[in-house]
Amino acid sequence: MASRRFQLQGEVERGGVERAVKRLTVDEEVAGMRERALVLKEKLKASVRSGGSSYKALDELAKYLKTE
């Protein structure tokens, strides 16, 4: 996790600091979720392409069902 430094001038209200910390935490979590979702999206796309693992499994099932 990246470390960020902030310099504050003047008075800061507790609620303002709390909101800022929550926002930063949520923003970092959301960014991580998006990144993981994109990685998963690419893996899923690869698995259903011709020659992908899901494609091969479905093809094998279809061949099996045709022989029965």
Protein backbone atom coordinates (compact mmCIF):
# COMPACT_ATOMS: atom_id res chain seq x y z
CA MET A 1 0.00 0.00 0.00
CA ALA A 2 1.37 3.39 -0.98
CA SER A 3 2.13 5.85 1.77
CA ARG A 4 0.85 9.39 1.37
CA ARG A 5 1.93 12.45 3.33
CA PHE A 6 -0.31 15.40 3.97
CA GLN A 7 0.59 18.72 5.47
CA LEU A 8 -2.24 20.53 7.20
CA GLN A 9 -2.31 24.21 7.98
CA GLY A 10 -4.63 25.81 10.49
CA GLU A 11 -7.28 24.07 12.53
CA VAL A 12 -8.82 20.84 11.34
CA GLU A 13 -12.07 19.43 12.64
CA ARG A 14 -12.14 15.83 13.78
CA GLY A 15 -15.05 15.04 11.46
CA GLY A 16 -13.16 16.44 8.49
CA VAL A 17 -10.15 14.27 9.21
CA GLU A 18 -12.37 11.22 9.71
CA ARG A 19 -14.15 11.82 6.38
CA ALA A 20 -10.83 12.30 4.57
CA VAL A 21 -9.38 9.08 5.99
CA LYS A 22 -12.51 7.11 5.10
CA ARG A 23 -12.50 8.55 1.59
CA LEU A 24 -8.85 7.63 1.04
CA THR A 25 -9.41 4.12 2.38
CA VAL A 26 -12.47 3.57 0.20
CA ASP A 27 -10.75 5.04 -2.87
CA GLU A 28 -7.78 2.67 -2.42
CA GLU A 29 -10.09 -0.30 -1.87
CA VAL A 30 -12.12 0.57 -4.96
CA ALA A 31 -8.98 0.93 -7.06
CA GLY A 32 -7.79 -2.49 -5.88
CA MET A 33 -11.19 -4.03 -6.61
CA ARG A 34 -11.22 -2.57 -10.11
CA GLU A 35 -7.72 -3.85 -10.80
CA ARG A 36 -8.60 -7.37 -9.59
CA ALA A 37 -11.84 -7.29 -11.61
CA LEU A 38 -9.93 -6.42 -14.78
CA VAL A 39 -7.47 -9.27 -14.19
CA LEU A 40 -10.37 -11.67 -13.64
CA LYS A 41 -12.12 -10.37 -16.77
CA GLU A 42 -9.07 -11.18 -18.88
CA LYS A 43 -8.76 -14.66 -17.35
CA LEU A 44 -12.43 -15.35 -18.05
CA LYS A 45 -12.14 -14.12 -21.62
CA ALA A 46 -9.13 -16.40 -22.16
CA SER A 47 -10.95 -19.41 -20.71
CA VAL A 48 -13.90 -19.14 -23.11
CA ARG A 49 -11.83 -18.50 -26.24
CA SER A 50 -11.25 -21.37 -28.61
CA GLY A 51 -8.61 -23.48 -26.87
CA GLY A 52 -9.33 -21.98 -23.44
CA SER A 53 -10.01 -24.21 -20.43
CA SER A 54 -13.79 -23.62 -20.32
CA TYR A 55 -14.06 -23.97 -24.08
CA LYS A 56 -12.18 -27.28 -23.98
CA ALA A 57 -14.31 -28.59 -21.09
CA LEU A 58 -17.56 -27.74 -22.87
CA ASP A 59 -16.24 -29.24 -26.10
CA GLU A 60 -15.35 -32.48 -24.28
CA LEU A 61 -18.82 -32.58 -22.70
CA ALA A 62 -20.48 -32.11 -26.10
CA LYS A 63 -18.37 -34.92 -27.58
CA TYR A 64 -19.25 -37.20 -24.66
CA LEU A 65 -22.96 -36.47 -25.00
CA LYS A 66 -22.86 -37.19 -28.74
CA THR A 67 -21.36 -40.65 -28.13
CA GLU A 68 -23.99 -41.68 -25.56
